[in-house]
Amino acid sequence: MRQSEICCIVVRTLLAATMSAGLLLPLAASAESSGFELTPFVAQRVGGSFEDSDSGTKYDLDSSSSYGFLLGMPWESNSQLELYYSKQSTDLDDAGFISGGDKIGIDLDTLQIGGSVFLEPRGKVIPFFSGTFGGTRIKPDGPGTKSDTFFSASLGGGWKYFPTDKFGLRLEGRFIGVLIDSNSKIFCASGPGGSGCIINSSGDVLWQFEAQAGVIFRF
């Protein structure tokens, strides 16, 4: 089975599981969405490490800020479909073969689709759980460097607060897992002086946590 077919099956399964969870949760209730929601957010992301299978060396990502947006579409009375995008610019420790120092800049771009299930509103506050699946592109900074794209998924939860029908706030914590392909070389660079790769991966999951704060616009 091709990777594209596997991706489609997993996406459909994740969406079905996320939406079905609303029927199983005893507190799931009647938080109706009045329309589409656009939520630009800023965040702080922590965690993430890679291990080279040849040397056993561990490379850690520095904690840093991130930003992005969520686009929500009404689904049922207690759920919505969502498109999630987030970008993080950070540093990878002990990666001097490209930069000549002990760090190299790394960009992570994540694009996923999934949804949120709402729980019983508490006044103007709506608790929720979320789940998404898609891909993450990892790109080192520097001339001649090569980007890599991997499957990724996230699970989170938080609160929405709506002082008006068209404007709100969203606070969320989200765990993000990036599935690194086995037996692949990542963070590679080439140039006049030759070429090389930092890490030879044996297959692992890059785990990170992102704390988000965003402004909701309903339309």
N, C-alpha and C. Protein backbone atom coordinates (compact mmCIF):
# COMPACT_ATOMS: atom_id res chain seq x y z
N MET A 1 0.84 -1.20 0.00
CA MET A 1 0.00 0.00 0.00
C MET A 1 0.88 1.24 0.00
N ARG A 2 0.54 2.22 -0.84
CA ARG A 2 1.35 3.42 -0.96
C ARG A 2 1.17 4.32 0.25
N GLN A 3 2.17 5.23 0.47
CA GLN A 3 2.12 6.13 1.62
C GLN A 3 0.92 7.04 1.56
N SER A 4 0.53 7.51 0.35
CA SER A 4 -0.61 8.40 0.22
C SER A 4 -1.89 7.70 0.65
N GLU A 5 -2.03 6.38 0.32
CA GLU A 5 -3.21 5.64 0.73
C GLU A 5 -3.23 5.44 2.23
N ILE A 6 -2.06 5.16 2.82
CA ILE A 6 -1.99 5.01 4.27
C ILE A 6 -2.37 6.30 4.95
N CYS A 7 -1.85 7.44 4.43
CA CYS A 7 -2.16 8.75 5.00
C CYS A 7 -3.66 9.00 5.00
N CYS A 8 -4.34 8.70 3.88
CA CYS A 8 -5.78 8.95 3.77
C CYS A 8 -6.55 8.10 4.77
N ILE A 9 -6.16 6.83 4.93
CA ILE A 9 -6.83 5.95 5.87
C ILE A 9 -6.68 6.45 7.30
N VAL A 10 -5.45 6.87 7.66
CA VAL A 10 -5.22 7.34 9.03
C VAL A 10 -5.97 8.62 9.30
N VAL A 11 -6.01 9.54 8.30
CA VAL A 11 -6.75 10.79 8.48
C VAL A 11 -8.22 10.51 8.72
N ARG A 12 -8.82 9.62 7.90
CA ARG A 12 -10.23 9.30 8.08
C ARG A 12 -10.49 8.66 9.43
N THR A 13 -9.58 7.79 9.85
CA THR A 13 -9.74 7.13 11.15
C THR A 13 -9.66 8.12 12.29
N LEU A 14 -8.69 9.06 12.22
CA LEU A 14 -8.54 10.06 13.27
C LEU A 14 -9.76 10.95 13.34
N LEU A 15 -10.26 11.39 12.19
CA LEU A 15 -11.45 12.24 12.18
C LEU A 15 -12.65 11.52 12.77
N ALA A 16 -12.83 10.25 12.40
CA ALA A 16 -13.96 9.49 12.93
C ALA A 16 -13.86 9.30 14.43
N ALA A 17 -12.63 9.01 14.91
CA ALA A 17 -12.45 8.81 16.34
C ALA A 17 -12.67 10.10 17.12
N THR A 18 -12.17 11.21 16.57
CA THR A 18 -12.33 12.49 17.26
C THR A 18 -13.79 12.90 17.36
N MET A 19 -14.53 12.76 16.26
CA MET A 19 -15.93 13.16 16.26
C MET A 19 -16.79 12.19 17.07
N SER A 20 -16.47 10.90 17.03
CA SER A 20 -17.24 9.92 17.78
C SER A 20 -17.04 10.08 19.28
N ALA A 21 -15.90 10.65 19.67
CA ALA A 21 -15.65 10.85 21.10
C ALA A 21 -16.72 11.73 21.72
N GLY A 22 -17.29 12.63 20.95
CA GLY A 22 -18.34 13.50 21.47
C GLY A 22 -19.56 12.74 21.90
N LEU A 23 -19.84 11.56 21.28
CA LEU A 23 -20.99 10.76 21.64
C LEU A 23 -20.73 9.94 22.90
N LEU A 24 -19.46 9.73 23.22
CA LEU A 24 -19.11 8.89 24.35
C LEU A 24 -18.84 9.67 25.61
N LEU A 25 -18.52 10.94 25.50
CA LEU A 25 -18.21 11.74 26.67
C LEU A 25 -19.48 12.13 27.40
N PRO A 26 -19.61 11.85 28.68
CA PRO A 26 -20.84 12.16 29.39
C PRO A 26 -21.11 13.65 29.50
N LEU A 27 -20.06 14.46 29.38
CA LEU A 27 -20.26 15.90 29.51
C LEU A 27 -20.41 16.60 28.17
N ALA A 28 -20.29 15.85 27.09
CA ALA A 28 -20.41 16.47 25.78
C ALA A 28 -21.79 17.08 25.64
N ALA A 29 -21.84 18.31 25.09
CA ALA A 29 -23.11 19.02 25.12
C ALA A 29 -23.30 19.89 23.93
N SER A 30 -24.06 20.98 24.13
CA SER A 30 -24.68 21.70 23.03
C SER A 30 -23.98 23.00 22.69
N ALA A 31 -22.66 23.00 22.60
CA ALA A 31 -21.93 24.22 22.26
C ALA A 31 -21.95 24.40 20.75
N GLU A 32 -22.97 25.04 20.19
CA GLU A 32 -23.10 25.18 18.75
C GLU A 32 -22.20 26.29 18.23
N SER A 33 -21.55 26.02 17.12
CA SER A 33 -20.75 27.03 16.45
C SER A 33 -21.63 27.80 15.49
N SER A 34 -21.50 29.11 15.49
CA SER A 34 -22.34 29.93 14.62
C SER A 34 -21.77 30.07 13.21
N GLY A 35 -20.56 29.54 12.97
CA GLY A 35 -19.97 29.65 11.65
C GLY A 35 -18.50 29.26 11.68
N PHE A 36 -17.78 29.64 10.62
CA PHE A 36 -16.36 29.36 10.55
C PHE A 36 -15.60 30.17 11.60
N GLU A 37 -14.47 29.61 12.07
CA GLU A 37 -13.63 30.29 13.05
C GLU A 37 -12.19 30.36 12.53
N LEU A 38 -11.60 31.54 12.60
CA LEU A 38 -10.18 31.72 12.30
C LEU A 38 -9.50 32.16 13.58
N THR A 39 -8.47 31.39 13.99
CA THR A 39 -7.79 31.67 15.25
C THR A 39 -6.29 31.79 15.03
N PRO A 40 -5.76 32.98 14.81
CA PRO A 40 -4.30 33.15 14.83
C PRO A 40 -3.81 33.04 16.27
N PHE A 41 -2.65 32.40 16.47
CA PHE A 41 -2.16 32.20 17.83
C PHE A 41 -0.65 32.37 17.90
N VAL A 42 -0.19 32.64 19.10
CA VAL A 42 1.23 32.59 19.43
C VAL A 42 1.40 31.52 20.49
N ALA A 43 2.59 30.95 20.59
CA ALA A 43 2.78 29.81 21.48
C ALA A 43 4.22 29.72 21.94
N GLN A 44 4.44 28.87 22.94
CA GLN A 44 5.77 28.49 23.38
C GLN A 44 5.87 26.98 23.24
N ARG A 45 6.90 26.51 22.52
CA ARG A 45 7.04 25.07 22.29
C ARG A 45 8.31 24.57 22.98
N VAL A 46 8.19 23.43 23.65
CA VAL A 46 9.31 22.85 24.40
C VAL A 46 9.48 21.39 24.00
N GLY A 47 10.69 20.87 24.24
CA GLY A 47 10.96 19.46 24.02
C GLY A 47 11.42 19.18 22.61
N GLY A 48 11.77 17.93 22.38
CA GLY A 48 12.20 17.46 21.07
C GLY A 48 13.66 17.10 21.04
N SER A 49 13.96 15.85 20.66
CA SER A 49 15.35 15.43 20.55
C SER A 49 15.47 14.34 19.48
N PHE A 50 16.66 14.26 18.89
CA PHE A 50 16.99 13.25 17.89
C PHE A 50 18.18 12.45 18.42
N GLU A 51 18.24 11.17 18.04
CA GLU A 51 19.39 10.34 18.41
C GLU A 51 19.97 9.69 17.16
N ASP A 52 21.28 9.83 17.01
CA ASP A 52 21.97 9.23 15.89
C ASP A 52 22.18 7.75 16.17
N SER A 53 21.71 6.90 15.24
CA SER A 53 21.79 5.45 15.48
C SER A 53 23.22 4.93 15.37
N ASP A 54 24.09 5.64 14.66
CA ASP A 54 25.47 5.18 14.51
C ASP A 54 26.31 5.49 15.74
N SER A 55 26.22 6.73 16.23
CA SER A 55 27.07 7.15 17.34
C SER A 55 26.36 7.12 18.70
N GLY A 56 25.03 7.10 18.69
CA GLY A 56 24.28 7.18 19.94
C GLY A 56 24.19 8.59 20.49
N THR A 57 24.72 9.58 19.75
CA THR A 57 24.68 10.97 20.20
C THR A 57 23.26 11.51 20.16
N LYS A 58 22.87 12.24 21.21
CA LYS A 58 21.54 12.82 21.31
C LYS A 58 21.61 14.31 21.00
N TYR A 59 20.73 14.79 20.14
CA TYR A 59 20.67 16.19 19.74
C TYR A 59 19.33 16.78 20.20
N ASP A 60 19.39 17.83 20.99
CA ASP A 60 18.19 18.43 21.56
C ASP A 60 17.81 19.72 20.84
N LEU A 61 16.49 19.93 20.69
CA LEU A 61 15.98 21.20 20.18
C LEU A 61 15.77 22.16 21.35
N ASP A 62 16.16 23.41 21.17
CA ASP A 62 15.94 24.41 22.20
C ASP A 62 14.46 24.80 22.26
N SER A 63 13.98 25.14 23.45
CA SER A 63 12.64 25.70 23.59
C SER A 63 12.60 27.07 22.91
N SER A 64 11.48 27.36 22.27
CA SER A 64 11.37 28.64 21.58
C SER A 64 9.90 28.97 21.35
N SER A 65 9.64 30.18 20.87
CA SER A 65 8.28 30.58 20.54
C SER A 65 7.88 29.98 19.19
N SER A 66 6.58 29.93 18.95
CA SER A 66 6.03 29.48 17.67
C SER A 66 4.77 30.29 17.41
N TYR A 67 4.24 30.14 16.22
CA TYR A 67 3.02 30.87 15.87
C TYR A 67 2.30 30.11 14.77
N GLY A 68 1.03 30.46 14.54
CA GLY A 68 0.28 29.78 13.50
C GLY A 68 -1.18 30.18 13.51
N PHE A 69 -2.02 29.29 12.99
CA PHE A 69 -3.45 29.57 12.97
C PHE A 69 -4.23 28.26 12.98
N LEU A 70 -5.50 28.37 13.38
CA LEU A 70 -6.47 27.28 13.32
C LEU A 70 -7.67 27.77 12.53
N LEU A 71 -8.14 26.98 11.57
CA LEU A 71 -9.35 27.30 10.83
C LEU A 71 -10.37 26.23 11.15
N GLY A 72 -11.49 26.64 11.76
CA GLY A 72 -12.52 25.71 12.18
C GLY A 72 -13.77 25.80 11.33
N MET A 73 -14.38 24.63 11.05
CA MET A 73 -15.60 24.56 10.26
C MET A 73 -16.65 23.78 11.06
N PRO A 74 -17.88 24.27 11.19
CA PRO A 74 -18.91 23.56 11.96
C PRO A 74 -19.11 22.13 11.46
N TRP A 75 -19.27 21.21 12.41
CA TRP A 75 -19.49 19.81 12.07
C TRP A 75 -20.81 19.33 12.66
N GLU A 76 -20.86 19.18 13.97
CA GLU A 76 -22.08 18.85 14.68
C GLU A 76 -22.23 19.84 15.82
N SER A 77 -23.29 19.67 16.63
CA SER A 77 -23.56 20.65 17.68
C SER A 77 -22.46 20.71 18.72
N ASN A 78 -21.67 19.66 18.85
CA ASN A 78 -20.64 19.64 19.89
C ASN A 78 -19.24 19.40 19.31
N SER A 79 -19.02 19.71 18.02
CA SER A 79 -17.71 19.45 17.43
C SER A 79 -17.52 20.30 16.18
N GLN A 80 -16.25 20.39 15.74
CA GLN A 80 -15.95 21.08 14.49
C GLN A 80 -14.70 20.48 13.85
N LEU A 81 -14.63 20.54 12.52
CA LEU A 81 -13.43 20.18 11.80
C LEU A 81 -12.43 21.33 11.89
N GLU A 82 -11.12 21.00 11.88
CA GLU A 82 -10.12 22.05 12.03
C GLU A 82 -8.91 21.79 11.15
N LEU A 83 -8.37 22.86 10.60
CA LEU A 83 -7.08 22.87 9.91
C LEU A 83 -6.09 23.60 10.81
N TYR A 84 -4.98 22.95 11.12
CA TYR A 84 -4.00 23.49 12.08
C TYR A 84 -2.65 23.69 11.37
N TYR A 85 -2.09 24.91 11.52
CA TYR A 85 -0.75 25.20 11.02
C TYR A 85 0.06 25.88 12.11
N SER A 86 1.32 25.43 12.26
CA SER A 86 2.20 26.04 13.25
C SER A 86 3.63 26.06 12.72
N LYS A 87 4.35 27.13 13.04
CA LYS A 87 5.75 27.26 12.63
C LYS A 87 6.62 27.56 13.84
N GLN A 88 7.70 26.82 13.98
CA GLN A 88 8.68 27.04 15.04
C GLN A 88 10.05 27.23 14.42
N SER A 89 10.76 28.25 14.87
CA SER A 89 12.16 28.46 14.51
C SER A 89 12.98 28.30 15.78
N THR A 90 13.88 27.32 15.78
CA THR A 90 14.63 27.00 16.99
C THR A 90 16.06 26.63 16.62
N ASP A 91 16.82 26.12 17.58
CA ASP A 91 18.21 25.71 17.37
C ASP A 91 18.38 24.25 17.76
N LEU A 92 19.22 23.54 17.01
CA LEU A 92 19.61 22.18 17.34
C LEU A 92 21.00 22.22 17.96
N ASP A 93 21.14 21.63 19.14
CA ASP A 93 22.41 21.66 19.86
C ASP A 93 23.46 20.73 19.22
N ASP A 94 24.71 21.11 19.38
CA ASP A 94 25.85 20.26 18.99
C ASP A 94 25.78 19.83 17.54
N ALA A 95 25.55 20.79 16.64
CA ALA A 95 25.46 20.45 15.22
C ALA A 95 26.44 21.28 14.42
N GLY A 96 27.70 21.26 14.82
CA GLY A 96 28.66 22.20 14.27
C GLY A 96 29.17 21.92 12.88
N PHE A 97 28.81 20.80 12.27
CA PHE A 97 29.44 20.50 10.98
C PHE A 97 28.96 21.44 9.88
N ILE A 98 27.77 22.06 10.03
CA ILE A 98 27.31 23.03 9.04
C ILE A 98 27.67 24.44 9.46
N SER A 99 27.40 24.78 10.73
CA SER A 99 27.53 26.16 11.17
C SER A 99 28.92 26.49 11.69
N GLY A 100 29.70 25.49 12.02
CA GLY A 100 31.00 25.73 12.61
C GLY A 100 30.93 26.04 14.09
N GLY A 101 29.72 26.06 14.66
CA GLY A 101 29.55 26.29 16.09
C GLY A 101 28.90 25.09 16.74
N ASP A 102 28.26 25.32 17.90
CA ASP A 102 27.63 24.21 18.60
C ASP A 102 26.12 24.18 18.41
N LYS A 103 25.58 25.02 17.53
CA LYS A 103 24.15 25.05 17.26
C LYS A 103 23.91 25.32 15.78
N ILE A 104 22.74 24.86 15.30
CA ILE A 104 22.30 25.21 13.95
C ILE A 104 20.82 25.53 14.02
N GLY A 105 20.39 26.55 13.27
CA GLY A 105 18.98 26.92 13.25
C GLY A 105 18.14 25.87 12.52
N ILE A 106 16.95 25.60 13.07
CA ILE A 106 16.03 24.62 12.51
C ILE A 106 14.64 25.24 12.44
N ASP A 107 13.96 25.08 11.30
CA ASP A 107 12.56 25.50 11.15
C ASP A 107 11.68 24.27 11.06
N LEU A 108 10.57 24.27 11.83
CA LEU A 108 9.59 23.19 11.77
C LEU A 108 8.25 23.78 11.35
N ASP A 109 7.73 23.34 10.21
CA ASP A 109 6.42 23.77 9.72
C ASP A 109 5.47 22.58 9.79
N THR A 110 4.37 22.74 10.54
CA THR A 110 3.42 21.65 10.75
C THR A 110 2.06 22.03 10.17
N LEU A 111 1.51 21.16 9.32
CA LEU A 111 0.18 21.34 8.75
C LEU A 111 -0.60 20.06 8.98
N GLN A 112 -1.75 20.17 9.67
CA GLN A 112 -2.53 18.99 10.03
C GLN A 112 -4.03 19.29 9.92
N ILE A 113 -4.83 18.22 9.80
CA ILE A 113 -6.28 18.33 9.78
C ILE A 113 -6.87 17.39 10.83
N GLY A 114 -7.95 17.81 11.43
CA GLY A 114 -8.60 16.99 12.46
C GLY A 114 -9.83 17.70 12.97
N GLY A 115 -9.95 17.80 14.29
CA GLY A 115 -11.13 18.45 14.83
C GLY A 115 -11.08 18.59 16.34
N SER A 116 -12.11 19.24 16.88
CA SER A 116 -12.26 19.44 18.31
C SER A 116 -13.64 18.95 18.75
N VAL A 117 -13.71 18.41 19.95
CA VAL A 117 -14.96 18.01 20.58
C VAL A 117 -15.18 18.89 21.79
N PHE A 118 -16.34 19.55 21.88
CA PHE A 118 -16.64 20.48 22.96
C PHE A 118 -17.36 19.78 24.10
N LEU A 119 -17.05 20.20 25.30
CA LEU A 119 -17.72 19.70 26.49
C LEU A 119 -18.79 20.71 26.93
N GLU A 120 -19.40 20.44 28.06
CA GLU A 120 -20.49 21.29 28.54
C GLU A 120 -19.99 22.69 28.84
N PRO A 121 -20.60 23.73 28.25
CA PRO A 121 -20.16 25.11 28.52
C PRO A 121 -20.32 25.47 30.00
N ARG A 122 -19.40 26.28 30.46
CA ARG A 122 -19.47 26.82 31.83
C ARG A 122 -19.60 28.32 31.70
N GLY A 123 -20.83 28.76 31.53
CA GLY A 123 -21.06 30.17 31.23
C GLY A 123 -20.61 30.46 29.81
N LYS A 124 -19.67 31.39 29.65
CA LYS A 124 -19.12 31.73 28.34
C LYS A 124 -17.84 30.96 28.02
N VAL A 125 -17.46 30.04 28.91
CA VAL A 125 -16.25 29.24 28.73
C VAL A 125 -16.63 27.85 28.24
N ILE A 126 -15.95 27.37 27.18
CA ILE A 126 -16.23 26.07 26.58
C ILE A 126 -14.96 25.21 26.62
N PRO A 127 -14.91 24.17 27.46
CA PRO A 127 -13.77 23.24 27.42
C PRO A 127 -13.84 22.37 26.17
N PHE A 128 -12.67 21.89 25.72
CA PHE A 128 -12.65 21.05 24.52
C PHE A 128 -11.42 20.15 24.50
N PHE A 129 -11.51 19.09 23.70
CA PHE A 129 -10.38 18.24 23.34
C PHE A 129 -10.17 18.33 21.84
N SER A 130 -8.92 18.22 21.37
CA SER A 130 -8.63 18.32 19.95
C SER A 130 -7.66 17.22 19.51
N GLY A 131 -7.73 16.88 18.23
CA GLY A 131 -6.81 15.91 17.65
C GLY A 131 -6.64 16.17 16.17
N THR A 132 -5.41 16.14 15.68
CA THR A 132 -5.13 16.40 14.26
C THR A 132 -4.03 15.48 13.75
N PHE A 133 -3.96 15.36 12.43
CA PHE A 133 -2.96 14.50 11.79
C PHE A 133 -2.55 15.12 10.47
N GLY A 134 -1.26 15.02 10.13
CA GLY A 134 -0.80 15.58 8.87
C GLY A 134 0.69 15.37 8.69
N GLY A 135 1.41 16.47 8.47
CA GLY A 135 2.84 16.37 8.23
C GLY A 135 3.61 17.53 8.83
N THR A 136 4.91 17.30 9.08
CA THR A 136 5.81 18.33 9.59
C THR A 136 7.06 18.39 8.70
N ARG A 137 7.37 19.58 8.20
CA ARG A 137 8.57 19.80 7.39
C ARG A 137 9.65 20.38 8.29
N ILE A 138 10.82 19.74 8.29
CA ILE A 138 11.95 20.16 9.11
C ILE A 138 13.07 20.62 8.19
N LYS A 139 13.50 21.86 8.37
CA LYS A 139 14.49 22.47 7.47
C LYS A 139 15.60 23.12 8.28
N PRO A 140 16.85 22.66 8.12
CA PRO A 140 17.99 23.34 8.76
C PRO A 140 18.30 24.64 8.03
N ASP A 141 18.78 25.63 8.78
CA ASP A 141 19.26 26.87 8.16
C ASP A 141 20.67 26.66 7.63
N GLY A 142 20.97 27.32 6.55
CA GLY A 142 22.33 27.24 6.02
C GLY A 142 22.33 26.91 4.54
N PRO A 143 23.37 27.32 3.84
CA PRO A 143 23.46 27.08 2.39
C PRO A 143 23.60 25.59 2.09
N GLY A 144 22.87 25.14 1.07
CA GLY A 144 22.98 23.75 0.62
C GLY A 144 22.28 22.73 1.50
N THR A 145 21.50 23.19 2.49
CA THR A 145 20.84 22.24 3.38
C THR A 145 19.56 21.70 2.74
N LYS A 146 19.14 20.54 3.19
CA LYS A 146 18.01 19.83 2.63
C LYS A 146 16.91 19.69 3.68
N SER A 147 15.67 19.92 3.27
CA SER A 147 14.55 19.76 4.18
C SER A 147 14.02 18.32 4.13
N ASP A 148 13.34 17.90 5.21
CA ASP A 148 12.73 16.58 5.29
C ASP A 148 11.31 16.76 5.79
N THR A 149 10.36 15.96 5.26
CA THR A 149 8.98 16.03 5.69
C THR A 149 8.54 14.66 6.23
N PHE A 150 7.87 14.68 7.40
CA PHE A 150 7.49 13.45 8.08
C PHE A 150 6.02 13.52 8.49
N PHE A 151 5.40 12.35 8.67
CA PHE A 151 4.07 12.29 9.22
C PHE A 151 4.09 12.78 10.67
N SER A 152 3.02 13.47 11.08
CA SER A 152 2.93 13.94 12.46
C SER A 152 1.47 13.98 12.90
N ALA A 153 1.26 13.98 14.20
CA ALA A 153 -0.08 14.04 14.78
C ALA A 153 0.00 14.83 16.07
N SER A 154 -1.14 15.32 16.54
CA SER A 154 -1.16 16.07 17.79
C SER A 154 -2.46 15.81 18.54
N LEU A 155 -2.37 15.91 19.87
CA LEU A 155 -3.53 15.81 20.76
C LEU A 155 -3.44 16.95 21.76
N GLY A 156 -4.58 17.56 22.03
CA GLY A 156 -4.56 18.69 22.96
C GLY A 156 -5.91 18.92 23.61
N GLY A 157 -5.98 20.00 24.33
CA GLY A 157 -7.20 20.39 25.00
C GLY A 157 -7.05 21.77 25.60
N GLY A 158 -8.18 22.39 25.90
CA GLY A 158 -8.12 23.73 26.47
C GLY A 158 -9.49 24.32 26.66
N TRP A 159 -9.56 25.65 26.53
CA TRP A 159 -10.80 26.38 26.77
C TRP A 159 -10.96 27.47 25.71
N LYS A 160 -12.21 27.69 25.34
CA LYS A 160 -12.60 28.85 24.55
C LYS A 160 -13.45 29.77 25.42
N TYR A 161 -13.25 31.07 25.24
CA TYR A 161 -14.05 32.06 25.96
C TYR A 161 -14.60 33.05 24.96
N PHE A 162 -15.93 33.25 24.98
CA PHE A 162 -16.59 34.13 24.01
C PHE A 162 -17.31 35.27 24.73
N PRO A 163 -16.67 36.45 24.84
CA PRO A 163 -17.37 37.62 25.39
C PRO A 163 -18.47 38.12 24.46
N THR A 164 -18.33 37.86 23.13
CA THR A 164 -19.37 38.20 22.15
C THR A 164 -19.54 37.01 21.21
N ASP A 165 -20.55 37.04 20.36
CA ASP A 165 -20.81 35.95 19.44
C ASP A 165 -19.74 35.83 18.35
N LYS A 166 -19.08 36.92 18.00
CA LYS A 166 -18.14 36.93 16.89
C LYS A 166 -16.68 37.01 17.30
N PHE A 167 -16.41 37.10 18.58
CA PHE A 167 -15.04 37.30 19.06
C PHE A 167 -14.81 36.45 20.30
N GLY A 168 -13.64 35.81 20.36
CA GLY A 168 -13.34 34.98 21.52
C GLY A 168 -11.85 34.79 21.72
N LEU A 169 -11.50 34.06 22.76
CA LEU A 169 -10.12 33.71 23.08
C LEU A 169 -10.00 32.19 23.19
N ARG A 170 -8.84 31.67 22.80
CA ARG A 170 -8.60 30.23 22.86
C ARG A 170 -7.27 29.98 23.54
N LEU A 171 -7.29 29.18 24.61
CA LEU A 171 -6.10 28.74 25.32
C LEU A 171 -6.02 27.23 25.19
N GLU A 172 -4.85 26.73 24.78
CA GLU A 172 -4.75 25.29 24.50
C GLU A 172 -3.34 24.79 24.77
N GLY A 173 -3.25 23.57 25.26
CA GLY A 173 -2.01 22.84 25.35
C GLY A 173 -2.06 21.67 24.37
N ARG A 174 -0.99 21.47 23.60
CA ARG A 174 -1.02 20.48 22.52
C ARG A 174 0.29 19.69 22.50
N PHE A 175 0.17 18.35 22.55
CA PHE A 175 1.32 17.47 22.36
C PHE A 175 1.44 17.13 20.88
N ILE A 176 2.65 17.26 20.34
CA ILE A 176 2.90 17.02 18.92
C ILE A 176 3.94 15.90 18.80
N GLY A 177 3.61 14.89 18.02
CA GLY A 177 4.54 13.80 17.76
C GLY A 177 4.88 13.72 16.29
N VAL A 178 6.16 13.72 15.95
CA VAL A 178 6.62 13.63 14.56
C VAL A 178 7.31 12.28 14.37
N LEU A 179 6.79 11.47 13.44
CA LEU A 179 7.33 10.13 13.19
C LEU A 179 8.51 10.24 12.24
N ILE A 180 9.72 10.03 12.76
CA ILE A 180 10.94 10.09 11.95
C ILE A 180 11.14 8.75 11.26
N ASP A 181 11.33 8.78 9.94
CA ASP A 181 11.50 7.53 9.18
C ASP A 181 12.72 6.76 9.67
N SER A 182 12.60 5.45 9.65
CA SER A 182 13.74 4.60 10.02
C SER A 182 14.73 4.52 8.87
N ASN A 183 15.98 4.32 9.24
CA ASN A 183 17.07 4.15 8.26
C ASN A 183 17.13 5.30 7.26
N SER A 184 16.97 6.52 7.76
CA SER A 184 17.08 7.69 6.88
C SER A 184 18.06 8.68 7.47
N LYS A 185 18.73 9.41 6.59
CA LYS A 185 19.65 10.44 7.04
C LYS A 185 18.93 11.79 7.00
N ILE A 186 19.07 12.56 8.07
CA ILE A 186 18.39 13.85 8.15
C ILE A 186 19.39 14.95 8.51
N PHE A 187 18.97 16.19 8.23
CA PHE A 187 19.81 17.37 8.41
C PHE A 187 21.09 17.26 7.58
N CYS A 188 20.87 17.13 6.28
CA CYS A 188 21.99 16.98 5.35
C CYS A 188 22.31 18.30 4.67
N ALA A 189 23.57 18.48 4.27
CA ALA A 189 24.01 19.69 3.58
C ALA A 189 25.05 19.31 2.55
N SER A 190 25.11 20.12 1.48
CA SER A 190 26.13 19.91 0.45
C SER A 190 26.65 21.26 0.00
N GLY A 191 27.88 21.29 -0.46
CA GLY A 191 28.48 22.54 -0.91
C GLY A 191 29.85 22.28 -1.48
N PRO A 192 30.62 23.37 -1.73
CA PRO A 192 31.96 23.23 -2.33
C PRO A 192 32.88 22.37 -1.49
N GLY A 193 32.68 22.39 -0.17
CA GLY A 193 33.57 21.63 0.70
C GLY A 193 33.18 20.19 0.87
N GLY A 194 32.13 19.74 0.20
CA GLY A 194 31.67 18.37 0.35
C GLY A 194 30.26 18.33 0.90
N SER A 195 29.82 17.15 1.30
CA SER A 195 28.47 16.96 1.81
C SER A 195 28.51 16.04 3.02
N GLY A 196 27.41 16.07 3.77
CA GLY A 196 27.31 15.22 4.95
C GLY A 196 25.98 15.39 5.62
N CYS A 197 25.68 14.51 6.57
CA CYS A 197 24.43 14.54 7.32
C CYS A 197 24.74 14.44 8.81
N ILE A 198 23.93 15.14 9.61
CA ILE A 198 24.16 15.13 11.05
C ILE A 198 23.72 13.80 11.66
N ILE A 199 22.54 13.31 11.29
CA ILE A 199 21.92 12.20 12.00
C ILE A 199 21.54 11.08 11.04
N ASN A 200 21.87 9.86 11.41
CA ASN A 200 21.37 8.67 10.74
C ASN A 200 20.31 8.05 11.65
N SER A 201 19.04 8.21 11.28
CA SER A 201 17.95 7.83 12.16
C SER A 201 17.62 6.35 12.02
N SER A 202 17.27 5.72 13.14
CA SER A 202 16.81 4.33 13.13
C SER A 202 15.30 4.25 13.32
N GLY A 203 14.62 5.40 13.31
CA GLY A 203 13.17 5.43 13.50
C GLY A 203 12.81 5.79 14.92
N ASP A 204 12.12 6.89 15.10
CA ASP A 204 11.78 7.36 16.45
C ASP A 204 10.66 8.39 16.31
N VAL A 205 10.15 8.85 17.45
CA VAL A 205 9.13 9.89 17.47
C VAL A 205 9.70 11.12 18.17
N LEU A 206 9.63 12.25 17.51
CA LEU A 206 10.03 13.53 18.08
C LEU A 206 8.83 14.10 18.83
N TRP A 207 8.91 14.18 20.16
CA TRP A 207 7.80 14.66 20.98
C TRP A 207 8.06 16.10 21.41
N GLN A 208 7.01 16.95 21.26
CA GLN A 208 7.07 18.33 21.72
C GLN A 208 5.74 18.71 22.36
N PHE A 209 5.79 19.77 23.17
CA PHE A 209 4.57 20.32 23.77
C PHE A 209 4.49 21.79 23.44
N GLU A 210 3.29 22.23 23.02
CA GLU A 210 3.07 23.62 22.63
C GLU A 210 1.93 24.21 23.45
N ALA A 211 2.20 25.32 24.16
CA ALA A 211 1.17 26.06 24.90
C ALA A 211 0.77 27.26 24.06
N GLN A 212 -0.53 27.35 23.68
CA GLN A 212 -1.00 28.34 22.72
C GLN A 212 -1.97 29.32 23.36
N ALA A 213 -1.96 30.55 22.85
CA ALA A 213 -2.96 31.56 23.18
C ALA A 213 -3.35 32.25 21.88
N GLY A 214 -4.65 32.24 21.56
CA GLY A 214 -5.08 32.80 20.29
C GLY A 214 -6.37 33.61 20.41
N VAL A 215 -6.63 34.39 19.36
CA VAL A 215 -7.83 35.21 19.26
C VAL A 215 -8.75 34.59 18.23
N ILE A 216 -10.01 34.33 18.58
CA ILE A 216 -10.98 33.69 17.68
C ILE A 216 -11.81 34.74 16.98
N PHE A 217 -11.89 34.62 15.66
CA PHE A 217 -12.79 35.46 14.86
C PHE A 217 -13.82 34.55 14.20
N ARG A 218 -15.08 34.74 14.50
CA ARG A 218 -16.17 33.98 13.89
C ARG A 218 -16.76 34.75 12.73
N PHE A 219 -17.06 34.05 11.64
CA PHE A 219 -17.65 34.73 10.50
C PHE A 219 -18.53 33.75 9.72
